[in-house]
Amino acid sequence: EERDGVLRLDHRRSLFILKHEVVHQLMAPWHRRLPLWVSEGIAEFIASLPYANGTYTLQPPGAGMRDYLLKWQPSKNERNLRLIPPGELMAMDLNDWNAAVKRERAYDLYNSAALVTWHFIQQENGAPLAAYLDALRRGEKPAAAREAHLLKGVGPGELTKQVAATARRLGIEPVDETGEPL
């Protein structure tokens, strides 16, 4: 941020971004196999983990997620988070993602990816997400792997309700694009 002709870095904001980008570097061998929501969601999840003096805190794994999702809210009292419906998010390709970023929806994209990923990590200690990633590693098509390991017959509307409930357990109020509660 620039103030009074002096450029200052917000090290906390920079650290979030650095952790996020390092995760992408570590996941580079997987890059072509991962849908954007999962690639960004995992990077956001790792970046949310409490980190101090070179050590990540993994227990409990969601300890930093709430604060992470709300980190750039204009007010510390703001608990609303615009959620892109998970079905829509999961269907996005690079062109869709970039178009949403150009429409100034980046905050919504990354937070939604983080929240959806966190939702799946919460299920059965992450076993469905691990099975999904393994299926992608083995070359299974993303849509088939998503249905078999993550959705298991859950439709888009029900998934949105489930992810919204996950957000509420974190103390976050999920809202749609217009600001209406989900």
N, C-alpha and C. Protein backbone atom coordinates (compact mmCIF):
# COMPACT_ATOMS: atom_id res chain seq x y z
N GLU A 1 0.85 -1.16 0.00
CA GLU A 1 0.00 0.00 0.00
C GLU A 1 0.90 1.23 0.00
N GLU A 2 0.48 2.28 -0.64
CA GLU A 2 1.26 3.52 -0.67
C GLU A 2 0.54 4.57 0.15
N ARG A 3 1.29 5.18 1.07
CA ARG A 3 0.74 6.23 1.91
C ARG A 3 1.82 7.28 2.14
N ASP A 4 1.47 8.53 1.91
CA ASP A 4 2.40 9.64 2.12
C ASP A 4 3.70 9.44 1.33
N GLY A 5 3.58 8.90 0.13
CA GLY A 5 4.75 8.73 -0.72
C GLY A 5 5.65 7.57 -0.32
N VAL A 6 5.22 6.76 0.65
CA VAL A 6 6.02 5.63 1.11
C VAL A 6 5.27 4.33 0.77
N LEU A 7 5.99 3.41 0.18
CA LEU A 7 5.41 2.12 -0.17
C LEU A 7 5.64 1.16 1.00
N ARG A 8 4.56 0.57 1.48
CA ARG A 8 4.64 -0.39 2.58
C ARG A 8 4.05 -1.71 2.12
N LEU A 9 4.68 -2.78 2.58
CA LEU A 9 4.16 -4.11 2.27
C LEU A 9 3.40 -4.64 3.47
N ASP A 10 2.28 -5.20 3.21
CA ASP A 10 1.52 -5.89 4.25
C ASP A 10 2.04 -7.32 4.24
N HIS A 11 2.95 -7.64 5.15
CA HIS A 11 3.60 -8.96 5.12
C HIS A 11 2.60 -10.09 5.28
N ARG A 12 1.52 -9.89 6.03
CA ARG A 12 0.54 -10.96 6.19
C ARG A 12 -0.14 -11.26 4.86
N ARG A 13 -0.51 -10.22 4.13
CA ARG A 13 -1.14 -10.42 2.83
C ARG A 13 -0.15 -11.07 1.86
N SER A 14 1.08 -10.61 1.88
CA SER A 14 2.10 -11.17 1.01
C SER A 14 2.39 -12.62 1.36
N LEU A 15 2.38 -12.95 2.66
CA LEU A 15 2.62 -14.32 3.08
C LEU A 15 1.52 -15.25 2.58
N PHE A 16 0.26 -14.81 2.63
CA PHE A 16 -0.83 -15.63 2.10
C PHE A 16 -0.58 -15.94 0.63
N ILE A 17 -0.24 -14.92 -0.12
CA ILE A 17 -0.02 -15.10 -1.56
C ILE A 17 1.19 -15.99 -1.80
N LEU A 18 2.26 -15.78 -1.06
CA LEU A 18 3.46 -16.60 -1.22
C LEU A 18 3.17 -18.07 -0.94
N LYS A 19 2.48 -18.34 0.17
CA LYS A 19 2.15 -19.73 0.50
C LYS A 19 1.29 -20.34 -0.60
N HIS A 20 0.31 -19.60 -1.09
CA HIS A 20 -0.57 -20.07 -2.16
C HIS A 20 0.25 -20.43 -3.40
N GLU A 21 1.15 -19.55 -3.80
CA GLU A 21 1.93 -19.78 -5.02
C GLU A 21 2.94 -20.90 -4.86
N VAL A 22 3.51 -21.07 -3.67
CA VAL A 22 4.43 -22.17 -3.43
C VAL A 22 3.70 -23.51 -3.56
N VAL A 23 2.47 -23.56 -3.08
CA VAL A 23 1.67 -24.79 -3.23
C VAL A 23 1.51 -25.11 -4.71
N HIS A 24 1.25 -24.11 -5.54
CA HIS A 24 1.14 -24.36 -6.98
C HIS A 24 2.45 -24.94 -7.53
N GLN A 25 3.57 -24.43 -7.08
CA GLN A 25 4.86 -24.94 -7.54
C GLN A 25 5.03 -26.41 -7.14
N LEU A 26 4.65 -26.72 -5.91
CA LEU A 26 4.78 -28.10 -5.43
C LEU A 26 3.83 -29.05 -6.15
N MET A 27 2.71 -28.52 -6.59
CA MET A 27 1.71 -29.34 -7.29
C MET A 27 1.91 -29.34 -8.81
N ALA A 28 2.98 -28.75 -9.29
CA ALA A 28 3.20 -28.61 -10.74
C ALA A 28 3.03 -29.93 -11.51
N PRO A 29 3.53 -31.06 -11.00
CA PRO A 29 3.33 -32.30 -11.76
C PRO A 29 1.86 -32.68 -11.96
N TRP A 30 0.99 -32.20 -11.10
CA TRP A 30 -0.43 -32.50 -11.17
C TRP A 30 -1.19 -31.48 -12.02
N HIS A 31 -0.56 -30.37 -12.32
CA HIS A 31 -1.26 -29.21 -12.86
C HIS A 31 -2.24 -29.51 -13.99
N ARG A 32 -1.85 -30.28 -14.96
CA ARG A 32 -2.72 -30.55 -16.11
C ARG A 32 -3.92 -31.42 -15.74
N ARG A 33 -3.79 -32.20 -14.69
CA ARG A 33 -4.86 -33.11 -14.31
C ARG A 33 -5.93 -32.47 -13.43
N LEU A 34 -5.59 -31.37 -12.79
CA LEU A 34 -6.50 -30.79 -11.80
C LEU A 34 -7.41 -29.73 -12.39
N PRO A 35 -8.70 -29.84 -12.15
CA PRO A 35 -9.59 -28.74 -12.50
C PRO A 35 -9.19 -27.51 -11.68
N LEU A 36 -9.48 -26.33 -12.19
CA LEU A 36 -9.07 -25.10 -11.53
C LEU A 36 -9.56 -24.99 -10.09
N TRP A 37 -10.81 -25.35 -9.85
CA TRP A 37 -11.35 -25.20 -8.50
C TRP A 37 -10.54 -25.98 -7.48
N VAL A 38 -10.06 -27.17 -7.89
CA VAL A 38 -9.31 -28.01 -6.96
C VAL A 38 -7.88 -27.49 -6.80
N SER A 39 -7.28 -27.08 -7.88
CA SER A 39 -5.92 -26.52 -7.81
C SER A 39 -5.90 -25.28 -6.93
N GLU A 40 -6.83 -24.38 -7.17
CA GLU A 40 -6.90 -23.15 -6.37
C GLU A 40 -7.39 -23.44 -4.96
N GLY A 41 -8.33 -24.36 -4.82
CA GLY A 41 -8.86 -24.68 -3.50
C GLY A 41 -7.81 -25.29 -2.58
N ILE A 42 -6.98 -26.19 -3.11
CA ILE A 42 -5.92 -26.78 -2.29
C ILE A 42 -4.88 -25.71 -1.93
N ALA A 43 -4.52 -24.87 -2.89
CA ALA A 43 -3.56 -23.79 -2.61
C ALA A 43 -4.11 -22.86 -1.53
N GLU A 44 -5.40 -22.54 -1.61
CA GLU A 44 -6.02 -21.68 -0.61
C GLU A 44 -6.08 -22.38 0.75
N PHE A 45 -6.40 -23.67 0.76
CA PHE A 45 -6.46 -24.42 2.02
C PHE A 45 -5.10 -24.40 2.72
N ILE A 46 -4.05 -24.74 1.99
CA ILE A 46 -2.71 -24.75 2.59
C ILE A 46 -2.33 -23.35 3.07
N ALA A 47 -2.65 -22.34 2.26
CA ALA A 47 -2.34 -20.96 2.66
C ALA A 47 -3.11 -20.55 3.91
N SER A 48 -4.25 -21.20 4.17
CA SER A 48 -5.06 -20.85 5.35
C SER A 48 -4.50 -21.45 6.63
N LEU A 49 -3.66 -22.46 6.53
CA LEU A 49 -3.15 -23.11 7.73
C LEU A 49 -2.30 -22.14 8.55
N PRO A 50 -2.52 -22.12 9.85
CA PRO A 50 -1.70 -21.24 10.69
C PRO A 50 -0.22 -21.57 10.53
N TYR A 51 0.58 -20.51 10.35
CA TYR A 51 2.00 -20.66 10.07
C TYR A 51 2.77 -19.63 10.90
N ALA A 52 3.73 -20.10 11.65
CA ALA A 52 4.56 -19.18 12.43
C ALA A 52 5.94 -19.79 12.61
N ASN A 53 6.94 -18.97 12.42
CA ASN A 53 8.33 -19.40 12.62
C ASN A 53 8.68 -20.67 11.85
N GLY A 54 8.21 -20.76 10.62
CA GLY A 54 8.55 -21.89 9.76
C GLY A 54 7.76 -23.16 10.02
N THR A 55 6.69 -23.09 10.81
CA THR A 55 5.92 -24.28 11.16
C THR A 55 4.44 -24.07 10.86
N TYR A 56 3.84 -25.04 10.18
CA TYR A 56 2.41 -25.04 9.96
C TYR A 56 1.73 -25.75 11.12
N THR A 57 0.56 -25.27 11.49
CA THR A 57 -0.25 -25.94 12.50
C THR A 57 -1.34 -26.69 11.76
N LEU A 58 -1.33 -28.01 11.89
CA LEU A 58 -2.29 -28.84 11.17
C LEU A 58 -3.44 -29.32 12.04
N GLN A 59 -3.37 -29.11 13.34
CA GLN A 59 -4.42 -29.57 14.22
C GLN A 59 -5.00 -28.41 15.00
N PRO A 60 -6.26 -28.12 14.94
CA PRO A 60 -7.20 -28.68 13.97
C PRO A 60 -6.97 -28.03 12.61
N PRO A 61 -7.19 -28.80 11.53
CA PRO A 61 -6.86 -28.29 10.20
C PRO A 61 -7.67 -27.08 9.75
N GLY A 62 -8.81 -26.82 10.33
CA GLY A 62 -9.62 -25.68 9.92
C GLY A 62 -9.41 -24.44 10.77
N ALA A 63 -8.42 -24.49 11.65
CA ALA A 63 -8.23 -23.39 12.60
C ALA A 63 -8.11 -22.03 11.92
N GLY A 64 -7.46 -21.97 10.78
CA GLY A 64 -7.27 -20.69 10.12
C GLY A 64 -8.23 -20.41 8.98
N MET A 65 -9.07 -21.37 8.62
CA MET A 65 -9.92 -21.21 7.44
C MET A 65 -10.88 -20.03 7.57
N ARG A 66 -11.53 -19.89 8.68
CA ARG A 66 -12.50 -18.80 8.85
C ARG A 66 -11.82 -17.45 8.65
N ASP A 67 -10.72 -17.22 9.36
CA ASP A 67 -10.02 -15.95 9.23
C ASP A 67 -9.48 -15.77 7.82
N TYR A 68 -9.03 -16.86 7.22
CA TYR A 68 -8.51 -16.78 5.86
C TYR A 68 -9.59 -16.33 4.88
N LEU A 69 -10.77 -16.92 5.00
CA LEU A 69 -11.85 -16.58 4.08
C LEU A 69 -12.31 -15.13 4.26
N LEU A 70 -12.15 -14.61 5.44
CA LEU A 70 -12.61 -13.24 5.71
C LEU A 70 -11.47 -12.21 5.68
N LYS A 71 -10.28 -12.62 5.28
CA LYS A 71 -9.08 -11.78 5.43
C LYS A 71 -9.15 -10.44 4.73
N TRP A 72 -9.84 -10.34 3.61
CA TRP A 72 -9.84 -9.08 2.88
C TRP A 72 -11.20 -8.40 2.93
N GLN A 73 -12.00 -8.76 3.91
CA GLN A 73 -13.29 -8.09 4.07
C GLN A 73 -13.04 -6.64 4.48
N PRO A 74 -13.90 -5.72 4.04
CA PRO A 74 -13.70 -4.31 4.37
C PRO A 74 -13.85 -4.00 5.86
N SER A 75 -14.59 -4.82 6.59
CA SER A 75 -14.82 -4.58 8.01
C SER A 75 -14.58 -5.88 8.76
N LYS A 76 -13.99 -5.78 9.95
CA LYS A 76 -13.76 -6.98 10.76
C LYS A 76 -15.07 -7.61 11.22
N ASN A 77 -16.15 -6.85 11.19
CA ASN A 77 -17.46 -7.37 11.60
C ASN A 77 -18.20 -8.03 10.44
N GLU A 78 -17.69 -7.89 9.24
CA GLU A 78 -18.34 -8.45 8.05
C GLU A 78 -18.14 -9.97 8.03
N ARG A 79 -19.22 -10.72 8.02
CA ARG A 79 -19.15 -12.18 8.03
C ARG A 79 -19.79 -12.79 6.78
N ASN A 80 -20.31 -11.94 5.88
CA ASN A 80 -20.91 -12.44 4.65
C ASN A 80 -19.81 -12.81 3.65
N LEU A 81 -20.03 -13.88 2.95
CA LEU A 81 -19.09 -14.33 1.94
C LEU A 81 -19.89 -14.74 0.71
N ARG A 82 -19.64 -14.08 -0.42
CA ARG A 82 -20.33 -14.46 -1.66
C ARG A 82 -19.80 -15.81 -2.12
N LEU A 83 -20.71 -16.74 -2.25
CA LEU A 83 -20.36 -18.10 -2.65
C LEU A 83 -20.82 -18.34 -4.08
N ILE A 84 -19.87 -18.72 -4.93
CA ILE A 84 -20.23 -19.16 -6.27
C ILE A 84 -20.78 -20.57 -6.11
N PRO A 85 -21.96 -20.86 -6.63
CA PRO A 85 -22.52 -22.20 -6.46
C PRO A 85 -21.49 -23.27 -6.86
N PRO A 86 -21.26 -24.26 -5.99
CA PRO A 86 -20.24 -25.25 -6.26
C PRO A 86 -20.36 -25.94 -7.62
N GLY A 87 -21.58 -26.23 -8.05
CA GLY A 87 -21.75 -26.86 -9.36
C GLY A 87 -21.22 -25.98 -10.48
N GLU A 88 -21.47 -24.68 -10.37
CA GLU A 88 -20.96 -23.71 -11.34
C GLU A 88 -19.43 -23.61 -11.26
N LEU A 89 -18.92 -23.53 -10.05
CA LEU A 89 -17.48 -23.43 -9.82
C LEU A 89 -16.75 -24.65 -10.40
N MET A 90 -17.28 -25.83 -10.12
CA MET A 90 -16.64 -27.07 -10.56
C MET A 90 -16.66 -27.24 -12.08
N ALA A 91 -17.59 -26.59 -12.75
CA ALA A 91 -17.69 -26.71 -14.20
C ALA A 91 -16.80 -25.71 -14.95
N MET A 92 -16.20 -24.78 -14.23
CA MET A 92 -15.41 -23.73 -14.88
C MET A 92 -14.12 -24.26 -15.50
N ASP A 93 -13.86 -23.78 -16.72
CA ASP A 93 -12.56 -24.03 -17.33
C ASP A 93 -11.75 -22.73 -17.22
N LEU A 94 -10.56 -22.72 -17.79
CA LEU A 94 -9.68 -21.56 -17.68
C LEU A 94 -10.33 -20.30 -18.25
N ASN A 95 -11.01 -20.43 -19.38
CA ASN A 95 -11.66 -19.26 -19.97
C ASN A 95 -12.76 -18.70 -19.06
N ASP A 96 -13.56 -19.59 -18.48
CA ASP A 96 -14.61 -19.15 -17.55
C ASP A 96 -14.00 -18.46 -16.33
N TRP A 97 -12.95 -19.05 -15.80
CA TRP A 97 -12.29 -18.51 -14.61
C TRP A 97 -11.75 -17.11 -14.91
N ASN A 98 -11.03 -16.99 -16.03
CA ASN A 98 -10.45 -15.69 -16.40
C ASN A 98 -11.53 -14.64 -16.66
N ALA A 99 -12.64 -15.05 -17.26
CA ALA A 99 -13.75 -14.12 -17.50
C ALA A 99 -14.32 -13.63 -16.16
N ALA A 100 -14.44 -14.53 -15.20
CA ALA A 100 -14.95 -14.14 -13.88
C ALA A 100 -13.98 -13.19 -13.18
N VAL A 101 -12.69 -13.43 -13.34
CA VAL A 101 -11.68 -12.53 -12.75
C VAL A 101 -11.82 -11.14 -13.38
N LYS A 102 -12.01 -11.08 -14.68
CA LYS A 102 -12.17 -9.79 -15.36
C LYS A 102 -13.43 -9.07 -14.90
N ARG A 103 -14.44 -9.82 -14.45
CA ARG A 103 -15.66 -9.21 -13.91
C ARG A 103 -15.51 -8.88 -12.43
N GLU A 104 -14.27 -8.89 -11.97
CA GLU A 104 -13.93 -8.56 -10.57
C GLU A 104 -14.55 -9.54 -9.58
N ARG A 105 -14.49 -10.82 -9.92
CA ARG A 105 -15.02 -11.86 -9.03
C ARG A 105 -13.91 -12.75 -8.46
N ALA A 106 -12.65 -12.29 -8.55
CA ALA A 106 -11.53 -13.12 -8.09
C ALA A 106 -11.69 -13.51 -6.63
N TYR A 107 -12.05 -12.55 -5.79
CA TYR A 107 -12.23 -12.83 -4.37
C TYR A 107 -13.25 -13.95 -4.18
N ASP A 108 -14.35 -13.86 -4.90
CA ASP A 108 -15.40 -14.88 -4.81
C ASP A 108 -14.90 -16.24 -5.30
N LEU A 109 -14.15 -16.24 -6.40
CA LEU A 109 -13.64 -17.48 -6.96
C LEU A 109 -12.74 -18.22 -5.98
N TYR A 110 -11.74 -17.50 -5.49
CA TYR A 110 -10.75 -18.14 -4.61
C TYR A 110 -11.37 -18.56 -3.29
N ASN A 111 -12.22 -17.71 -2.73
CA ASN A 111 -12.89 -18.09 -1.48
C ASN A 111 -13.83 -19.26 -1.68
N SER A 112 -14.55 -19.28 -2.79
CA SER A 112 -15.46 -20.40 -3.07
C SER A 112 -14.68 -21.69 -3.26
N ALA A 113 -13.57 -21.62 -3.99
CA ALA A 113 -12.72 -22.81 -4.19
C ALA A 113 -12.19 -23.30 -2.86
N ALA A 114 -11.75 -22.37 -2.00
CA ALA A 114 -11.25 -22.77 -0.68
C ALA A 114 -12.35 -23.42 0.15
N LEU A 115 -13.53 -22.84 0.14
CA LEU A 115 -14.62 -23.36 0.96
C LEU A 115 -15.11 -24.71 0.45
N VAL A 116 -15.23 -24.88 -0.86
CA VAL A 116 -15.65 -26.16 -1.41
C VAL A 116 -14.60 -27.23 -1.10
N THR A 117 -13.33 -26.90 -1.27
CA THR A 117 -12.27 -27.85 -0.95
C THR A 117 -12.31 -28.20 0.54
N TRP A 118 -12.46 -27.19 1.40
CA TRP A 118 -12.55 -27.44 2.84
C TRP A 118 -13.75 -28.33 3.15
N HIS A 119 -14.86 -28.11 2.46
CA HIS A 119 -16.05 -28.94 2.66
C HIS A 119 -15.71 -30.41 2.40
N PHE A 120 -15.01 -30.69 1.31
CA PHE A 120 -14.67 -32.08 0.99
C PHE A 120 -13.59 -32.64 1.91
N ILE A 121 -12.71 -31.80 2.40
CA ILE A 121 -11.70 -32.26 3.38
C ILE A 121 -12.40 -32.69 4.67
N GLN A 122 -13.51 -32.04 5.00
CA GLN A 122 -14.25 -32.35 6.22
C GLN A 122 -14.97 -33.69 6.15
N GLN A 123 -15.19 -34.20 4.97
CA GLN A 123 -15.93 -35.45 4.82
C GLN A 123 -15.00 -36.64 5.01
N GLU A 124 -15.33 -37.49 5.95
CA GLU A 124 -14.59 -38.73 6.18
C GLU A 124 -13.08 -38.51 6.23
N ASN A 125 -12.66 -37.47 6.95
CA ASN A 125 -11.24 -37.14 7.08
C ASN A 125 -10.54 -36.97 5.74
N GLY A 126 -11.27 -36.48 4.76
CA GLY A 126 -10.69 -36.18 3.45
C GLY A 126 -10.61 -37.36 2.50
N ALA A 127 -11.14 -38.53 2.90
CA ALA A 127 -11.04 -39.72 2.06
C ALA A 127 -11.68 -39.53 0.67
N PRO A 128 -12.87 -38.91 0.56
CA PRO A 128 -13.43 -38.71 -0.78
C PRO A 128 -12.55 -37.81 -1.67
N LEU A 129 -11.99 -36.76 -1.09
CA LEU A 129 -11.12 -35.88 -1.87
C LEU A 129 -9.86 -36.63 -2.28
N ALA A 130 -9.30 -37.43 -1.38
CA ALA A 130 -8.11 -38.23 -1.72
C ALA A 130 -8.43 -39.21 -2.85
N ALA A 131 -9.59 -39.85 -2.79
CA ALA A 131 -9.99 -40.79 -3.84
C ALA A 131 -10.19 -40.07 -5.17
N TYR A 132 -10.75 -38.87 -5.11
CA TYR A 132 -10.94 -38.04 -6.31
C TYR A 132 -9.59 -37.69 -6.94
N LEU A 133 -8.65 -37.23 -6.11
CA LEU A 133 -7.32 -36.89 -6.62
C LEU A 133 -6.62 -38.11 -7.20
N ASP A 134 -6.77 -39.26 -6.54
CA ASP A 134 -6.17 -40.49 -7.06
C ASP A 134 -6.78 -40.88 -8.39
N ALA A 135 -8.09 -40.72 -8.53
CA ALA A 135 -8.75 -41.03 -9.80
C ALA A 135 -8.23 -40.13 -10.91
N LEU A 136 -8.03 -38.85 -10.60
CA LEU A 136 -7.46 -37.93 -11.60
C LEU A 136 -6.03 -38.35 -11.96
N ARG A 137 -5.26 -38.75 -10.95
CA ARG A 137 -3.89 -39.20 -11.19
C ARG A 137 -3.86 -40.40 -12.14
N ARG A 138 -4.85 -41.27 -12.00
CA ARG A 138 -4.94 -42.46 -12.84
C ARG A 138 -5.52 -42.16 -14.22
N GLY A 139 -5.89 -40.89 -14.47
CA GLY A 139 -6.38 -40.50 -15.79
C GLY A 139 -7.88 -40.50 -15.97
N GLU A 140 -8.62 -40.71 -14.88
CA GLU A 140 -10.08 -40.68 -14.98
C GLU A 140 -10.52 -39.25 -15.33
N LYS A 141 -11.56 -39.13 -16.12
CA LYS A 141 -12.07 -37.81 -16.50
C LYS A 141 -12.58 -37.10 -15.25
N PRO A 142 -12.31 -35.78 -15.13
CA PRO A 142 -12.70 -35.04 -13.92
C PRO A 142 -14.19 -35.14 -13.57
N ALA A 143 -15.07 -35.06 -14.56
CA ALA A 143 -16.51 -35.12 -14.26
C ALA A 143 -16.89 -36.47 -13.68
N ALA A 144 -16.36 -37.55 -14.24
CA ALA A 144 -16.68 -38.89 -13.74
C ALA A 144 -16.09 -39.09 -12.34
N ALA A 145 -14.87 -38.64 -12.13
CA ALA A 145 -14.23 -38.77 -10.82
C ALA A 145 -14.98 -37.95 -9.77
N ARG A 146 -15.41 -36.75 -10.16
CA ARG A 146 -16.15 -35.87 -9.24
C ARG A 146 -17.45 -36.54 -8.81
N GLU A 147 -18.16 -37.10 -9.76
CA GLU A 147 -19.43 -37.76 -9.43
C GLU A 147 -19.20 -38.99 -8.55
N ALA A 148 -18.22 -39.82 -8.91
CA ALA A 148 -17.99 -41.07 -8.18
C ALA A 148 -17.46 -40.86 -6.77
N HIS A 149 -16.59 -39.89 -6.58
CA HIS A 149 -15.90 -39.77 -5.31
C HIS A 149 -16.32 -38.59 -4.44
N LEU A 150 -16.81 -37.53 -5.06
CA LEU A 150 -17.18 -36.35 -4.28
C LEU A 150 -18.69 -36.17 -4.16
N LEU A 151 -19.36 -36.19 -5.28
CA LEU A 151 -20.79 -35.89 -5.27
C LEU A 151 -21.65 -37.08 -4.86
N LYS A 152 -21.34 -38.25 -5.38
CA LYS A 152 -22.06 -39.48 -5.02
C LYS A 152 -23.57 -39.30 -5.11
N GLY A 153 -24.02 -38.68 -6.22
CA GLY A 153 -25.44 -38.51 -6.45
C GLY A 153 -26.03 -37.23 -5.89
N VAL A 154 -25.25 -36.44 -5.19
CA VAL A 154 -25.73 -35.16 -4.65
C VAL A 154 -25.81 -34.17 -5.80
N GLY A 155 -26.97 -33.54 -5.97
CA GLY A 155 -27.17 -32.58 -7.04
C GLY A 155 -26.60 -31.21 -6.70
N PRO A 156 -26.57 -30.32 -7.69
CA PRO A 156 -25.99 -28.98 -7.48
C PRO A 156 -26.64 -28.18 -6.36
N GLY A 157 -27.98 -28.21 -6.29
CA GLY A 157 -28.67 -27.45 -5.25
C GLY A 157 -28.35 -27.96 -3.85
N GLU A 158 -28.36 -29.28 -3.70
CA GLU A 158 -28.05 -29.88 -2.41
C GLU A 158 -26.59 -29.62 -2.03
N LEU A 159 -25.68 -29.69 -2.99
CA LEU A 159 -24.27 -29.41 -2.71
C LEU A 159 -24.11 -27.96 -2.23
N THR A 160 -24.80 -27.03 -2.86
CA THR A 160 -24.74 -25.64 -2.42
C THR A 160 -25.21 -25.52 -0.98
N LYS A 161 -26.28 -26.21 -0.63
CA LYS A 161 -26.78 -26.19 0.75
C LYS A 161 -25.75 -26.77 1.72
N GLN A 162 -25.11 -27.86 1.33
CA GLN A 162 -24.11 -28.50 2.19
C GLN A 162 -22.90 -27.58 2.41
N VAL A 163 -22.42 -26.96 1.32
CA VAL A 163 -21.27 -26.06 1.44
C VAL A 163 -21.65 -24.83 2.26
N ALA A 164 -22.87 -24.33 2.10
CA ALA A 164 -23.35 -23.21 2.90
C ALA A 164 -23.36 -23.59 4.39
N ALA A 165 -23.78 -24.81 4.69
CA ALA A 165 -23.77 -25.28 6.08
C ALA A 165 -22.34 -25.37 6.62
N THR A 166 -21.41 -25.80 5.79
CA THR A 166 -20.00 -25.83 6.18
C THR A 166 -19.52 -24.42 6.52
N ALA A 167 -19.91 -23.45 5.69
CA ALA A 167 -19.53 -22.05 5.94
C ALA A 167 -20.09 -21.58 7.28
N ARG A 168 -21.35 -21.89 7.54
CA ARG A 168 -21.98 -21.45 8.79
C ARG A 168 -21.28 -22.05 10.00
N ARG A 169 -20.82 -23.30 9.89
CA ARG A 169 -20.08 -23.91 11.00
C ARG A 169 -18.78 -23.16 11.27
N LEU A 170 -18.27 -22.47 10.26
CA LEU A 170 -17.07 -21.65 10.43
C LEU A 170 -17.40 -20.24 10.94
N GLY A 171 -18.69 -19.93 11.08
CA GLY A 171 -19.09 -18.60 11.52
C GLY A 171 -19.17 -17.61 10.38
N ILE A 172 -19.39 -18.11 9.18
CA ILE A 172 -19.48 -17.29 7.98
C ILE A 172 -20.89 -17.42 7.42
N GLU A 173 -21.44 -16.31 6.96
CA GLU A 173 -22.78 -16.34 6.35
C GLU A 173 -22.62 -16.30 4.83
N PRO A 174 -22.86 -17.44 4.16
CA PRO A 174 -22.75 -17.47 2.70
C PRO A 174 -23.93 -16.75 2.04
N VAL A 175 -23.63 -15.94 1.04
CA VAL A 175 -24.65 -15.22 0.31
C VAL A 175 -24.45 -15.46 -1.18
N ASP A 176 -25.51 -15.21 -1.94
CA ASP A 176 -25.39 -15.35 -3.40
C ASP A 176 -24.84 -14.05 -3.99
N GLU A 177 -24.79 -14.00 -5.30
CA GLU A 177 -24.22 -12.86 -6.02
C GLU A 177 -24.93 -11.53 -5.68
N THR A 178 -26.20 -11.63 -5.33
CA THR A 178 -26.96 -10.41 -5.02
C THR A 178 -26.88 -10.02 -3.53
N GLY A 179 -26.24 -10.88 -2.73
CA GLY A 179 -26.14 -10.61 -1.30
C GLY A 179 -27.20 -11.28 -0.46
N GLU A 180 -28.05 -12.08 -1.11
CA GLU A 180 -29.10 -12.80 -0.37
C GLU A 180 -28.52 -14.05 0.29
N PRO A 181 -28.90 -14.32 1.54
CA PRO A 181 -28.40 -15.53 2.23
C PRO A 181 -28.74 -16.80 1.45
N LEU A 182 -27.85 -17.74 1.49
CA LEU A 182 -28.09 -19.05 0.83
C LEU A 182 -28.72 -20.01 1.81
